Every structure is written in structure tokens, then in C-alpha cells.
Amino acid sequence: MAEVQDVFLASFDEYSRSHFVPLQAQKTAKAIMECRTQALGGHTDVCPDCGYTHQSYNSCRNRHCPKCQTVKKEQWIGKRKQDVLDVKHFHTVFTIPSELNALVLQNPRKLYELLFRASSETVRELTSDTKYLGATVGFMSILHSWGSNMSFHPHIHMVVTAGGIAPDGRWKPTRGRFFLPVKVLSCLFRGKFLSGCKGLYAKSKLSLKGENGNTVSRNAFSSLIDACFKKDWVVYSKEPFGGAEGVFEYLGRYTHRLVISNNRILSVEKGMTSFLWKDYKDESKLKETTLSNEEFIRRFLLHVLPHGFTRI
């Protein structure tokens, strides 16, 4: 079966000679290429009854490696069971427009943090308002930076309790089948995120360079923010699903998901990689696409997180 590891083994050395690869991305590529190979050593399992032995190579345990996330996902969910209330939950997604992608790619730590902060403040502010709920909800936020075809598409998946603790200490459930008005969520989130961008830029904590490598002017930055403010931002909320058991099953699909899993890789041959992806703009149809190994590696490395950054 073809794997992400095969793509990197075939073409990463050539890719790194013609592209700048940040240190964290270099470490990720090295870990993926060495995972479960002699480079990381191994261990021997011995059956105490019959004496049968089996030699295994060690895993890299890198959080971007497709081979190493399944076990981690199950362990993580097991530890979280005590934190999840046995109530209904909503799944809400906060997305920023593609016009901001270059800004985020050049300032990932700052703007990923802002994405978490703007989305969480939006939910806290609206749910504490008696007009909508008037209670303190619980939620978990998960950062994804990709679309199904490996393109750069930063967004937050948030699982929110369908109710919260009212000021008098009682549990107050949400009304009806939906969480909060999507239009209100979208407008408030947009304002908080763009205000945060302007604040960081005013403190010289953001940088933005054009295709020519030159720093973008203040006027150009302001024009970018103004253009994004005029757009409708995509925020959607699904109907609530069941209690704690449903939450665990649902969270498992998102917490440790990677930009692409090995079971989506169809072939790696002659410098080309073919894989399956889901086209959400076309009724979620499953489609096949083929990229050069160079483009595949470029897209994959876009999603390597800054060192030490917490994605959940």
C-alpha cells in the first residue's frame, strides 16, 4: 500500500534542494521518512508461552505522521471521557476567508492563537447574553488548517454543550434545534478576528510580504482588512447530536485528523502521487486527483504547526 512516507522518501531530498524548508518542517519530514525503519531502532516482542518472537521498528511519534496518530487518538479520547458532560452538543465551525491565507502562513503562531481566541470569545459572549442563553457553556476547540485536497484552509471545529450553567447554578438548556443565529456568530467572529489582526499589526507583531518578497505597505494591509470586512464569513452550526457516547465518536473524527491519511493514497510512482479527496462543493463526492510529488510535499508541509503549538 502506498503511503505518505513513500512520497517523502522518493522526492523530499530533491524538493529541499530547490525550496526553502523551515526547521520544523525539516524535522517533520525526517521523522516521517524514518518512522518504523532501522533509523529509529527497534524492539523484540516475545510470547511467554510459546517463545515466538517478532521484531518491530520504533515509531517516530511525530504528531504530523499518519502512522502514529491512531493510537494517540484512542488514548486521548480515553483520557477526555471524564471531562465531557452527558448532554447534547453542537458542532460549530469558524472559517476565515482565503484572502487572509498569506497573512496566516507568514504569521502562523500569532494568527492561529487569534483564531482560537476570536472564536471562543464569540461563543462566550453570545451564550452569556440572556437574549440567546444566559449561561456559561462548555466547549472544545480543534484547529484544522487544510481542505480535503490538502489546500491551505485554516478553520476551527468547536464542540459546544447544548446548554450551560446559569448564574443561579442550575443547568439551562438551549432552546430549539439550533445553537446560535449563524449570521450573528459570523458577524461577531469577523469583527473580533479582524480587530485582532489590526491590533497585532499596530504593535508590529505581524508581517506581510508580497510575491516579490517586499514588505506590504500599511495602506495595502488596511485595504486587505477592509476587503475582508465586507465579505460574509463562513460560520455554520450543525444540529445537536446525542450524549457523551456520541460526542466521543464524533470527536474521534476531528481531534487527531491529519492533512491526509495513508488510506487515501492510491499510488506513488514516476514522481506523481494520486489520492482521494472529498469535494464538499459537489455534494461531498469522492474524487481522485494526481499531483507531482513536489506539489504534494509542498502542500503537506504547509500544515506543519509551529513548535510546541497546541492544536486542541
C-alpha atoms as a PDB file:
ATOM      1  CA  MET A   1       0.000   0.000   0.000  1.00  0.00           C
ATOM      2  CA  ALA A   2       1.339   3.425  -0.941  1.00  0.00           C
ATOM      3  CA  GLU A   3       1.918   5.845   1.950  1.00  0.00           C
ATOM      4  CA  VAL A   4       2.843   9.451   2.652  1.00  0.00           C
ATOM      5  CA  GLN A   5       6.243   8.109   3.700  1.00  0.00           C
ATOM      6  CA  ASP A   6       6.817   6.818   0.169  1.00  0.00           C
ATOM      7  CA  VAL A   7       6.304  10.301  -1.300  1.00  0.00           C
ATOM      8  CA  PHE A   8       8.859  11.849   1.046  1.00  0.00           C
ATOM      9  CA  LEU A   9      11.377   9.049   0.543  1.00  0.00           C
ATOM     10  CA  ALA A  10      11.089   9.413  -3.222  1.00  0.00           C
ATOM     11  CA  SER A  11      11.251  13.176  -3.534  1.00  0.00           C
ATOM     12  CA  PHE A  12      11.990  15.146  -0.350  1.00  0.00           C
ATOM     13  CA  ASP A  13      15.752  15.389  -0.926  1.00  0.00           C
ATOM     14  CA  GLU A  14      15.170  16.832  -4.388  1.00  0.00           C
ATOM     15  CA  TYR A  15      12.411  19.112  -3.052  1.00  0.00           C
ATOM     16  CA  SER A  16      14.625  20.513  -0.282  1.00  0.00           C
ATOM     17  CA  ARG A  17      17.351  21.415  -2.789  1.00  0.00           C
ATOM     18  CA  SER A  18      15.029  23.741  -4.684  1.00  0.00           C
ATOM     19  CA  HIS A  19      12.743  25.011  -1.896  1.00  0.00           C
ATOM     20  CA  PHE A  20      13.256  26.710   1.441  1.00  0.00           C
ATOM     21  CA  VAL A  21      12.107  24.313   4.156  1.00  0.00           C
ATOM     22  CA  PRO A  22      11.668  25.757   7.686  1.00  0.00           C
ATOM     23  CA  LEU A  23      13.363  23.871  10.526  1.00  0.00           C
ATOM     24  CA  GLN A  24      10.129  22.498  11.995  1.00  0.00           C
ATOM     25  CA  ALA A  25       9.077  21.213   8.567  1.00  0.00           C
ATOM     26  CA  GLN A  26      12.536  19.613   8.100  1.00  0.00           C
ATOM     27  CA  LYS A  27      12.140  17.768  11.411  1.00  0.00           C
ATOM     28  CA  THR A  28       8.680  16.567  10.423  1.00  0.00           C
ATOM     29  CA  ALA A  29       9.877  15.291   7.038  1.00  0.00           C
ATOM     30  CA  LYS A  30      12.802  13.478   8.662  1.00  0.00           C
ATOM     31  CA  ALA A  31      10.511  11.862  11.243  1.00  0.00           C
ATOM     32  CA  ILE A  32       8.054  10.676   8.587  1.00  0.00           C
ATOM     33  CA  MET A  33      10.834   9.197   6.442  1.00  0.00           C
ATOM     34  CA  GLU A  34      12.407   7.370   9.408  1.00  0.00           C
ATOM     35  CA  CYS A  35       9.198   6.159  11.065  1.00  0.00           C
ATOM     36  CA  ARG A  36       9.254   2.403  11.680  1.00  0.00           C
ATOM     37  CA  THR A  37      12.594   1.934   9.955  1.00  0.00           C
ATOM     38  CA  GLN A  38      16.030   0.839  11.158  1.00  0.00           C
ATOM     39  CA  ALA A  39      16.965   4.504  11.645  1.00  0.00           C
ATOM     40  CA  LEU A  40      14.874   4.666  14.832  1.00  0.00           C
ATOM     41  CA  GLY A  41      15.900   1.288  16.199  1.00  0.00           C
ATOM     42  CA  GLY A  42      13.514  -1.453  17.183  1.00  0.00           C
ATOM     43  CA  HIS A  43      12.336  -3.898  19.804  1.00  0.00           C
ATOM     44  CA  THR A  44      11.507  -7.588  20.053  1.00  0.00           C
ATOM     45  CA  ASP A  45       8.207  -8.925  21.378  1.00  0.00           C
ATOM     46  CA  VAL A  46       8.373 -12.439  22.853  1.00  0.00           C
ATOM     47  CA  CYS A  47       5.411 -14.685  23.661  1.00  0.00           C
ATOM     48  CA  PRO A  48       5.940 -16.036  27.219  1.00  0.00           C
ATOM     49  CA  ASP A  49       4.013 -19.234  26.384  1.00  0.00           C
ATOM     50  CA  CYS A  50       5.434 -20.471  23.084  1.00  0.00           C
ATOM     51  CA  GLY A  51       8.580 -18.341  22.740  1.00  0.00           C
ATOM     52  CA  TYR A  52       7.539 -16.838  19.383  1.00  0.00           C
ATOM     53  CA  THR A  53       9.415 -13.602  18.703  1.00  0.00           C
ATOM     54  CA  HIS A  54       8.517 -10.665  16.475  1.00  0.00           C
ATOM     55  CA  GLN A  55      10.843  -7.801  15.555  1.00  0.00           C
ATOM     56  CA  SER A  56       9.298  -4.304  15.221  1.00  0.00           C
ATOM     57  CA  TYR A  57      10.810  -0.949  14.363  1.00  0.00           C
ATOM     58  CA  ASN A  58      10.043   2.066  16.547  1.00  0.00           C
ATOM     59  CA  SER A  59       7.596   4.808  15.591  1.00  0.00           C
ATOM     60  CA  CYS A  60       8.609   8.450  15.222  1.00  0.00           C
ATOM     61  CA  ARG A  61       5.647   9.704  17.324  1.00  0.00           C
ATOM     62  CA  ASN A  62       5.563  12.931  15.350  1.00  0.00           C
ATOM     63  CA  ARG A  63       2.096  14.481  15.512  1.00  0.00           C
ATOM     64  CA  HIS A  64       2.073  15.041  11.733  1.00  0.00           C
ATOM     65  CA  CYS A  65       2.879  11.413  10.890  1.00  0.00           C
ATOM     66  CA  PRO A  66      -0.076   9.370   9.530  1.00  0.00           C
ATOM     67  CA  LYS A  67       1.321   6.163  11.045  1.00  0.00           C
ATOM     68  CA  CYS A  68       1.427   7.469  14.592  1.00  0.00           C
ATOM     69  CA  GLN A  69      -1.923   9.145  15.202  1.00  0.00           C
ATOM     70  CA  THR A  70      -4.457   6.311  15.522  1.00  0.00           C
ATOM     71  CA  VAL A  71      -3.194   5.032  18.882  1.00  0.00           C
ATOM     72  CA  LYS A  72      -2.714   8.574  20.176  1.00  0.00           C
ATOM     73  CA  LYS A  73      -6.298   9.409  19.208  1.00  0.00           C
ATOM     74  CA  GLU A  74      -7.723   6.492  21.196  1.00  0.00           C
ATOM     75  CA  GLN A  75      -5.540   7.297  24.216  1.00  0.00           C
ATOM     76  CA  TRP A  76      -6.541  10.966  24.102  1.00  0.00           C
ATOM     77  CA  ILE A  77     -10.271  10.218  23.864  1.00  0.00           C
ATOM     78  CA  GLY A  78      -9.994   7.771  26.756  1.00  0.00           C
ATOM     79  CA  LYS A  79      -8.495  10.470  28.972  1.00  0.00           C
ATOM     80  CA  ARG A  80     -11.127  13.031  27.941  1.00  0.00           C
ATOM     81  CA  LYS A  81     -14.157  10.909  28.820  1.00  0.00           C
ATOM     82  CA  GLN A  82     -14.266  12.266  32.351  1.00  0.00           C
ATOM     83  CA  ASP A  83     -14.361  15.848  31.018  1.00  0.00           C
ATOM     84  CA  VAL A  84     -17.358  15.528  28.695  1.00  0.00           C
ATOM     85  CA  LEU A  85     -20.856  16.118  30.085  1.00  0.00           C
ATOM     86  CA  ASP A  86     -23.524  13.586  29.174  1.00  0.00           C
ATOM     87  CA  VAL A  87     -25.662  16.193  27.390  1.00  0.00           C
ATOM     88  CA  LYS A  88     -26.375  17.155  23.806  1.00  0.00           C
ATOM     89  CA  HIS A  89     -23.651  19.040  21.937  1.00  0.00           C
ATOM     90  CA  PHE A  90     -23.414  21.242  18.862  1.00  0.00           C
ATOM     91  CA  HIS A  91     -20.656  21.181  16.248  1.00  0.00           C
ATOM     92  CA  THR A  92     -19.781  24.699  15.086  1.00  0.00           C
ATOM     93  CA  VAL A  93     -17.135  25.617  12.503  1.00  0.00           C
ATOM     94  CA  PHE A  94     -15.406  29.006  12.203  1.00  0.00           C
ATOM     95  CA  THR A  95     -13.649  29.743   8.892  1.00  0.00           C
ATOM     96  CA  ILE A  96     -11.674  32.768   7.673  1.00  0.00           C
ATOM     97  CA  PRO A  97     -11.711  33.940   4.015  1.00  0.00           C
ATOM     98  CA  SER A  98      -8.956  32.763   1.676  1.00  0.00           C
ATOM     99  CA  GLU A  99      -7.757  36.363   1.193  1.00  0.00           C
ATOM    100  CA  LEU A 100      -6.128  36.055   4.647  1.00  0.00           C
ATOM    101  CA  ASN A 101      -4.236  32.835   3.857  1.00  0.00           C
ATOM    102  CA  ALA A 102      -0.935  34.548   3.010  1.00  0.00           C
ATOM    103  CA  LEU A 103      -1.084  36.571   6.230  1.00  0.00           C
ATOM    104  CA  VAL A 104      -1.705  33.428   8.289  1.00  0.00           C
ATOM    105  CA  LEU A 105       1.042  31.430   6.549  1.00  0.00           C
ATOM    106  CA  GLN A 106       3.562  34.168   7.311  1.00  0.00           C
ATOM    107  CA  ASN A 107       2.409  34.554  10.929  1.00  0.00           C
ATOM    108  CA  PRO A 108       1.067  31.115  11.891  1.00  0.00           C
ATOM    109  CA  ARG A 109       1.540  31.173  15.665  1.00  0.00           C
ATOM    110  CA  LYS A 110       0.053  34.636  16.168  1.00  0.00           C
ATOM    111  CA  LEU A 111      -2.939  34.107  13.894  1.00  0.00           C
ATOM    112  CA  TYR A 112      -3.715  30.535  14.946  1.00  0.00           C
ATOM    113  CA  GLU A 113      -3.821  31.864  18.517  1.00  0.00           C
ATOM    114  CA  LEU A 114      -6.080  34.691  17.340  1.00  0.00           C
ATOM    115  CA  LEU A 115      -8.344  32.190  15.560  1.00  0.00           C
ATOM    116  CA  PHE A 116      -8.800  30.278  18.813  1.00  0.00           C
ATOM    117  CA  ARG A 117      -9.339  33.475  20.820  1.00  0.00           C
ATOM    118  CA  ALA A 118     -11.790  35.158  18.424  1.00  0.00           C
ATOM    119  CA  SER A 119     -13.964  32.043  18.070  1.00  0.00           C
ATOM    120  CA  SER A 120     -14.036  31.278  21.794  1.00  0.00           C
ATOM    121  CA  GLU A 121     -14.792  34.894  22.761  1.00  0.00           C
ATOM    122  CA  THR A 122     -17.615  34.918  20.200  1.00  0.00           C
ATOM    123  CA  VAL A 123     -19.250  31.854  21.749  1.00  0.00           C
ATOM    124  CA  ARG A 124     -18.720  33.031  25.336  1.00  0.00           C
ATOM    125  CA  GLU A 125     -20.102  36.488  24.650  1.00  0.00           C
ATOM    126  CA  LEU A 126     -23.235  35.350  22.828  1.00  0.00           C
ATOM    127  CA  THR A 127     -24.132  32.454  25.134  1.00  0.00           C
ATOM    128  CA  SER A 128     -23.759  34.630  28.249  1.00  0.00           C
ATOM    129  CA  ASP A 129     -26.299  37.068  26.766  1.00  0.00           C
ATOM    130  CA  THR A 130     -29.796  36.333  28.127  1.00  0.00           C
ATOM    131  CA  LYS A 131     -31.166  37.097  24.662  1.00  0.00           C
ATOM    132  CA  TYR A 132     -29.648  33.819  23.446  1.00  0.00           C
ATOM    133  CA  LEU A 133     -28.973  31.637  26.510  1.00  0.00           C
ATOM    134  CA  GLY A 134     -27.707  33.490  29.582  1.00  0.00           C
ATOM    135  CA  ALA A 135     -25.391  30.730  30.798  1.00  0.00           C
ATOM    136  CA  THR A 136     -21.783  29.559  30.762  1.00  0.00           C
ATOM    137  CA  VAL A 137     -21.280  26.778  28.192  1.00  0.00           C
ATOM    138  CA  GLY A 138     -18.510  24.234  27.871  1.00  0.00           C
ATOM    139  CA  PHE A 139     -16.661  23.723  24.604  1.00  0.00           C
ATOM    140  CA  MET A 140     -13.620  22.183  22.959  1.00  0.00           C
ATOM    141  CA  SER A 141     -11.842  23.801  20.006  1.00  0.00           C
ATOM    142  CA  ILE A 142      -9.751  21.961  17.404  1.00  0.00           C
ATOM    143  CA  LEU A 143      -7.608  23.681  14.756  1.00  0.00           C
ATOM    144  CA  HIS A 144      -7.527  22.328  11.206  1.00  0.00           C
ATOM    145  CA  SER A 145      -5.524  24.128   8.536  1.00  0.00           C
ATOM    146  CA  TRP A 146      -6.444  22.095   5.456  1.00  0.00           C
ATOM    147  CA  GLY A 147      -9.156  21.357   2.959  1.00  0.00           C
ATOM    148  CA  SER A 148      -9.800  17.825   1.706  1.00  0.00           C
ATOM    149  CA  ASN A 149      -7.470  18.354  -1.293  1.00  0.00           C
ATOM    150  CA  MET A 150      -4.623  19.445   1.054  1.00  0.00           C
ATOM    151  CA  SER A 151      -5.071  23.145   0.209  1.00  0.00           C
ATOM    152  CA  PHE A 152      -4.495  25.715   2.954  1.00  0.00           C
ATOM    153  CA  HIS A 153      -7.821  26.333   4.684  1.00  0.00           C
ATOM    154  CA  PRO A 154      -7.490  27.309   8.381  1.00  0.00           C
ATOM    155  CA  HIS A 155     -10.621  26.833  10.494  1.00  0.00           C
ATOM    156  CA  ILE A 156     -11.774  25.899  13.988  1.00  0.00           C
ATOM    157  CA  HIS A 157     -14.010  22.932  14.793  1.00  0.00           C
ATOM    158  CA  MET A 158     -15.787  23.613  18.068  1.00  0.00           C
ATOM    159  CA  VAL A 159     -17.911  21.124  20.009  1.00  0.00           C
ATOM    160  CA  VAL A 160     -20.191  23.067  22.384  1.00  0.00           C
ATOM    161  CA  THR A 161     -22.584  21.883  25.066  1.00  0.00           C
ATOM    162  CA  ALA A 162     -26.245  22.472  24.180  1.00  0.00           C
ATOM    163  CA  GLY A 163     -26.738  24.473  27.343  1.00  0.00           C
ATOM    164  CA  GLY A 164     -24.753  25.836  30.258  1.00  0.00           C
ATOM    165  CA  ILE A 165     -24.612  26.815  33.921  1.00  0.00           C
ATOM    166  CA  ALA A 166     -26.926  29.758  34.685  1.00  0.00           C
ATOM    167  CA  PRO A 167     -25.976  32.435  37.268  1.00  0.00           C
ATOM    168  CA  ASP A 168     -28.158  30.674  39.868  1.00  0.00           C
ATOM    169  CA  GLY A 169     -26.155  27.449  39.412  1.00  0.00           C
ATOM    170  CA  ARG A 170     -28.807  25.496  37.516  1.00  0.00           C
ATOM    171  CA  TRP A 171     -28.354  23.811  34.146  1.00  0.00           C
ATOM    172  CA  LYS A 172     -30.022  25.833  31.388  1.00  0.00           C
ATOM    173  CA  PRO A 173     -30.503  24.016  28.043  1.00  0.00           C
ATOM    174  CA  THR A 174     -30.518  25.773  24.682  1.00  0.00           C
ATOM    175  CA  ARG A 175     -33.860  26.476  23.064  1.00  0.00           C
ATOM    176  CA  GLY A 176     -34.917  24.681  19.903  1.00  0.00           C
ATOM    177  CA  ARG A 177     -32.835  22.663  17.452  1.00  0.00           C
ATOM    178  CA  PHE A 178     -30.082  25.186  16.812  1.00  0.00           C
ATOM    179  CA  PHE A 179     -27.266  26.729  18.776  1.00  0.00           C
ATOM    180  CA  LEU A 180     -26.980  30.434  17.907  1.00  0.00           C
ATOM    181  CA  PRO A 181     -28.013  32.507  14.864  1.00  0.00           C
ATOM    182  CA  VAL A 182     -25.359  31.828  12.234  1.00  0.00           C
ATOM    183  CA  LYS A 183     -25.436  35.415  10.946  1.00  0.00           C
ATOM    184  CA  VAL A 184     -24.794  36.783  14.443  1.00  0.00           C
ATOM    185  CA  LEU A 185     -21.976  34.271  15.013  1.00  0.00           C
ATOM    186  CA  SER A 186     -20.389  35.178  11.684  1.00  0.00           C
ATOM    187  CA  CYS A 187     -20.508  38.963  12.157  1.00  0.00           C
ATOM    188  CA  LEU A 188     -19.154  38.925  15.700  1.00  0.00           C
ATOM    189  CA  PHE A 189     -16.384  36.449  14.837  1.00  0.00           C
ATOM    190  CA  ARG A 190     -15.386  38.509  11.785  1.00  0.00           C
ATOM    191  CA  GLY A 191     -15.178  41.689  13.850  1.00  0.00           C
ATOM    192  CA  LYS A 192     -13.111  40.082  16.608  1.00  0.00           C
ATOM    193  CA  PHE A 193     -10.651  38.407  14.230  1.00  0.00           C
ATOM    194  CA  LEU A 194     -10.061  41.469  12.051  1.00  0.00           C
ATOM    195  CA  SER A 195      -9.810  43.743  15.084  1.00  0.00           C
ATOM    196  CA  GLY A 196      -7.196  41.354  16.458  1.00  0.00           C
ATOM    197  CA  CYS A 197      -5.263  41.487  13.180  1.00  0.00           C
ATOM    198  CA  LYS A 198      -5.244  45.293  13.239  1.00  0.00           C
ATOM    199  CA  GLY A 199      -4.124  45.301  16.860  1.00  0.00           C
ATOM    200  CA  LEU A 200      -1.215  42.949  16.170  1.00  0.00           C
ATOM    201  CA  TYR A 201      -0.183  44.931  13.099  1.00  0.00           C
ATOM    202  CA  ALA A 202      -0.272  48.218  15.046  1.00  0.00           C
ATOM    203  CA  LYS A 203       2.140  46.665  17.583  1.00  0.00           C
ATOM    204  CA  SER A 204       4.432  45.468  14.753  1.00  0.00           C
ATOM    205  CA  LYS A 205       3.695  41.837  15.657  1.00  0.00           C
ATOM    206  CA  LEU A 206       2.529  40.888  12.158  1.00  0.00           C
ATOM    207  CA  SER A 207       4.495  40.819   8.933  1.00  0.00           C
ATOM    208  CA  LEU A 208       3.147  40.530   5.399  1.00  0.00           C
ATOM    209  CA  LYS A 209       5.234  40.243   2.257  1.00  0.00           C
ATOM    210  CA  GLY A 210       4.076  40.226  -1.340  1.00  0.00           C
ATOM    211  CA  GLU A 211       5.033  37.801  -4.105  1.00  0.00           C
ATOM    212  CA  ASN A 212       8.148  39.875  -4.823  1.00  0.00           C
ATOM    213  CA  GLY A 213       9.343  39.394  -1.246  1.00  0.00           C
ATOM    214  CA  ASN A 214       8.908  43.040  -0.285  1.00  0.00           C
ATOM    215  CA  THR A 215       7.009  44.058   2.833  1.00  0.00           C
ATOM    216  CA  VAL A 216       3.438  45.106   2.085  1.00  0.00           C
ATOM    217  CA  SER A 217       2.675  48.750   2.895  1.00  0.00           C
ATOM    218  CA  ARG A 218       0.374  49.869   5.698  1.00  0.00           C
ATOM    219  CA  ASN A 219      -2.174  51.064   3.135  1.00  0.00           C
ATOM    220  CA  ALA A 220      -2.164  47.690   1.405  1.00  0.00           C
ATOM    221  CA  PHE A 221      -2.659  45.937   4.744  1.00  0.00           C
ATOM    222  CA  SER A 222      -5.590  48.234   5.573  1.00  0.00           C
ATOM    223  CA  SER A 223      -7.117  47.539   2.155  1.00  0.00           C
ATOM    224  CA  LEU A 224      -6.857  43.788   2.808  1.00  0.00           C
ATOM    225  CA  ILE A 225      -8.621  44.113   6.168  1.00  0.00           C
ATOM    226  CA  ASP A 226     -11.341  46.360   4.689  1.00  0.00           C
ATOM    227  CA  ALA A 227     -11.966  43.904   1.830  1.00  0.00           C
ATOM    228  CA  CYS A 228     -12.305  41.006   4.286  1.00  0.00           C
ATOM    229  CA  PHE A 229     -14.684  43.024   6.464  1.00  0.00           C
ATOM    230  CA  LYS A 230     -17.032  43.488   3.506  1.00  0.00           C
ATOM    231  CA  LYS A 231     -17.236  39.741   2.908  1.00  0.00           C
ATOM    232  CA  ASP A 232     -19.677  37.318   4.521  1.00  0.00           C
ATOM    233  CA  TRP A 233     -17.640  34.925   6.635  1.00  0.00           C
ATOM    234  CA  VAL A 234     -18.497  31.233   6.785  1.00  0.00           C
ATOM    235  CA  VAL A 235     -19.635  30.020  10.189  1.00  0.00           C
ATOM    236  CA  TYR A 236     -22.042  27.119  10.452  1.00  0.00           C
ATOM    237  CA  SER A 237     -23.532  25.069  13.239  1.00  0.00           C
ATOM    238  CA  LYS A 238     -24.984  21.597  12.939  1.00  0.00           C
ATOM    239  CA  GLU A 239     -27.952  20.283  14.872  1.00  0.00           C
ATOM    240  CA  PRO A 240     -27.115  18.696  18.235  1.00  0.00           C
ATOM    241  CA  PHE A 241     -26.123  15.057  18.408  1.00  0.00           C
ATOM    242  CA  GLY A 242     -26.570  12.668  21.355  1.00  0.00           C
ATOM    243  CA  GLY A 243     -24.973  12.389  24.768  1.00  0.00           C
ATOM    244  CA  ALA A 244     -21.416  11.624  25.816  1.00  0.00           C
ATOM    245  CA  GLU A 245     -21.079   8.448  23.743  1.00  0.00           C
ATOM    246  CA  GLY A 246     -21.976  10.330  20.566  1.00  0.00           C
ATOM    247  CA  VAL A 247     -19.521  13.098  21.453  1.00  0.00           C
ATOM    248  CA  PHE A 248     -16.619  10.645  21.833  1.00  0.00           C
ATOM    249  CA  GLU A 249     -17.327   9.030  18.484  1.00  0.00           C
ATOM    250  CA  TYR A 250     -17.665  12.427  16.833  1.00  0.00           C
ATOM    251  CA  LEU A 251     -14.542  13.908  18.414  1.00  0.00           C
ATOM    252  CA  GLY A 252     -12.518  10.961  17.196  1.00  0.00           C
ATOM    253  CA  ARG A 253     -13.035  12.105  13.618  1.00  0.00           C
ATOM    254  CA  TYR A 254     -11.505  15.524  14.295  1.00  0.00           C
ATOM    255  CA  THR A 255      -9.057  15.581  17.204  1.00  0.00           C
ATOM    256  CA  HIS A 256      -6.134  13.760  15.591  1.00  0.00           C
ATOM    257  CA  ARG A 257      -7.087  14.007  11.932  1.00  0.00           C
ATOM    258  CA  LEU A 258      -4.189  14.908   9.638  1.00  0.00           C
ATOM    259  CA  VAL A 259      -3.965  16.740   6.346  1.00  0.00           C
ATOM    260  CA  ILE A 260      -4.105  13.331   4.641  1.00  0.00           C
ATOM    261  CA  SER A 261      -4.182   9.742   5.875  1.00  0.00           C
ATOM    262  CA  ASN A 262      -2.368   6.821   4.277  1.00  0.00           C
ATOM    263  CA  ASN A 263      -5.607   5.099   3.277  1.00  0.00           C
ATOM    264  CA  ARG A 264      -6.372   7.972   0.888  1.00  0.00           C
ATOM    265  CA  ILE A 265      -3.125   7.466  -1.064  1.00  0.00           C
ATOM    266  CA  LEU A 266      -3.763   5.470  -4.236  1.00  0.00           C
ATOM    267  CA  SER A 267      -0.323   5.375  -5.840  1.00  0.00           C
ATOM    268  CA  VAL A 268       3.160   6.892  -5.732  1.00  0.00           C
ATOM    269  CA  GLU A 269       5.036   6.320  -8.983  1.00  0.00           C
ATOM    270  CA  LYS A 270       7.117   8.149 -11.566  1.00  0.00           C
ATOM    271  CA  GLY A 271       7.265  11.317  -9.485  1.00  0.00           C
ATOM    272  CA  MET A 272       3.475  11.566  -9.175  1.00  0.00           C
ATOM    273  CA  THR A 273       1.086  10.896  -6.292  1.00  0.00           C
ATOM    274  CA  SER A 274      -2.604  10.069  -6.698  1.00  0.00           C
ATOM    275  CA  PHE A 275      -5.045  10.302  -3.803  1.00  0.00           C
ATOM    276  CA  LEU A 276      -8.747  10.538  -2.975  1.00  0.00           C
ATOM    277  CA  TRP A 277     -10.433  13.664  -1.657  1.00  0.00           C
ATOM    278  CA  LYS A 278     -13.979  14.726  -0.854  1.00  0.00           C
ATOM    279  CA  ASP A 279     -15.381  17.642  -2.859  1.00  0.00           C
ATOM    280  CA  TYR A 280     -17.740  19.395  -0.442  1.00  0.00           C
ATOM    281  CA  LYS A 281     -18.775  21.859  -3.165  1.00  0.00           C
ATOM    282  CA  ASP A 282     -20.074  18.976  -5.272  1.00  0.00           C
ATOM    283  CA  GLU A 283     -22.342  17.083  -2.859  1.00  0.00           C
ATOM    284  CA  SER A 284     -19.320  15.668  -0.977  1.00  0.00           C
ATOM    285  CA  LYS A 285     -18.450  13.371  -3.886  1.00  0.00           C
ATOM    286  CA  LEU A 286     -15.254  11.357  -3.559  1.00  0.00           C
ATOM    287  CA  LYS A 287     -12.807  12.275  -6.315  1.00  0.00           C
ATOM    288  CA  GLU A 288      -9.313  11.309  -7.401  1.00  0.00           C
ATOM    289  CA  THR A 289      -6.558  13.802  -8.109  1.00  0.00           C
ATOM    290  CA  THR A 290      -2.902  13.483  -9.062  1.00  0.00           C
ATOM    291  CA  LEU A 291      -0.127  15.860  -8.025  1.00  0.00           C
ATOM    292  CA  SER A 292       3.587  15.869  -8.646  1.00  0.00           C
ATOM    293  CA  ASN A 293       5.477  14.653  -5.582  1.00  0.00           C
ATOM    294  CA  GLU A 294       6.923  18.162  -5.288  1.00  0.00           C
ATOM    295  CA  GLU A 295       3.468  19.756  -5.078  1.00  0.00           C
ATOM    296  CA  PHE A 296       2.235  17.052  -2.706  1.00  0.00           C
ATOM    297  CA  ILE A 297       5.150  17.716  -0.329  1.00  0.00           C
ATOM    298  CA  ARG A 298       4.668  21.480  -0.603  1.00  0.00           C
ATOM    299  CA  ARG A 299       1.004  21.213   0.364  1.00  0.00           C
ATOM    300  CA  PHE A 300       1.707  18.740   3.159  1.00  0.00           C
ATOM    301  CA  LEU A 301       4.351  20.955   4.778  1.00  0.00           C
ATOM    302  CA  LEU A 302       2.018  23.983   4.759  1.00  0.00           C
ATOM    303  CA  HIS A 303       0.249  22.333   7.682  1.00  0.00           C
ATOM    304  CA  VAL A 304       3.203  21.677   9.969  1.00  0.00           C
ATOM    305  CA  LEU A 305       2.419  23.514  13.198  1.00  0.00           C
ATOM    306  CA  PRO A 306       4.825  25.882  14.978  1.00  0.00           C
ATOM    307  CA  HIS A 307       6.981  24.172  17.593  1.00  0.00           C
ATOM    308  CA  GLY A 308       5.023  23.468  20.770  1.00  0.00           C
ATOM    309  CA  PHE A 309       1.750  24.870  19.444  1.00  0.00           C
ATOM    310  CA  THR A 310      -1.335  23.142  20.920  1.00  0.00           C
ATOM    311  CA  ARG A 311      -3.881  22.235  18.257  1.00  0.00           C
ATOM    312  CA  ILE A 312      -6.668  21.172  20.652  1.00  0.00           C
END
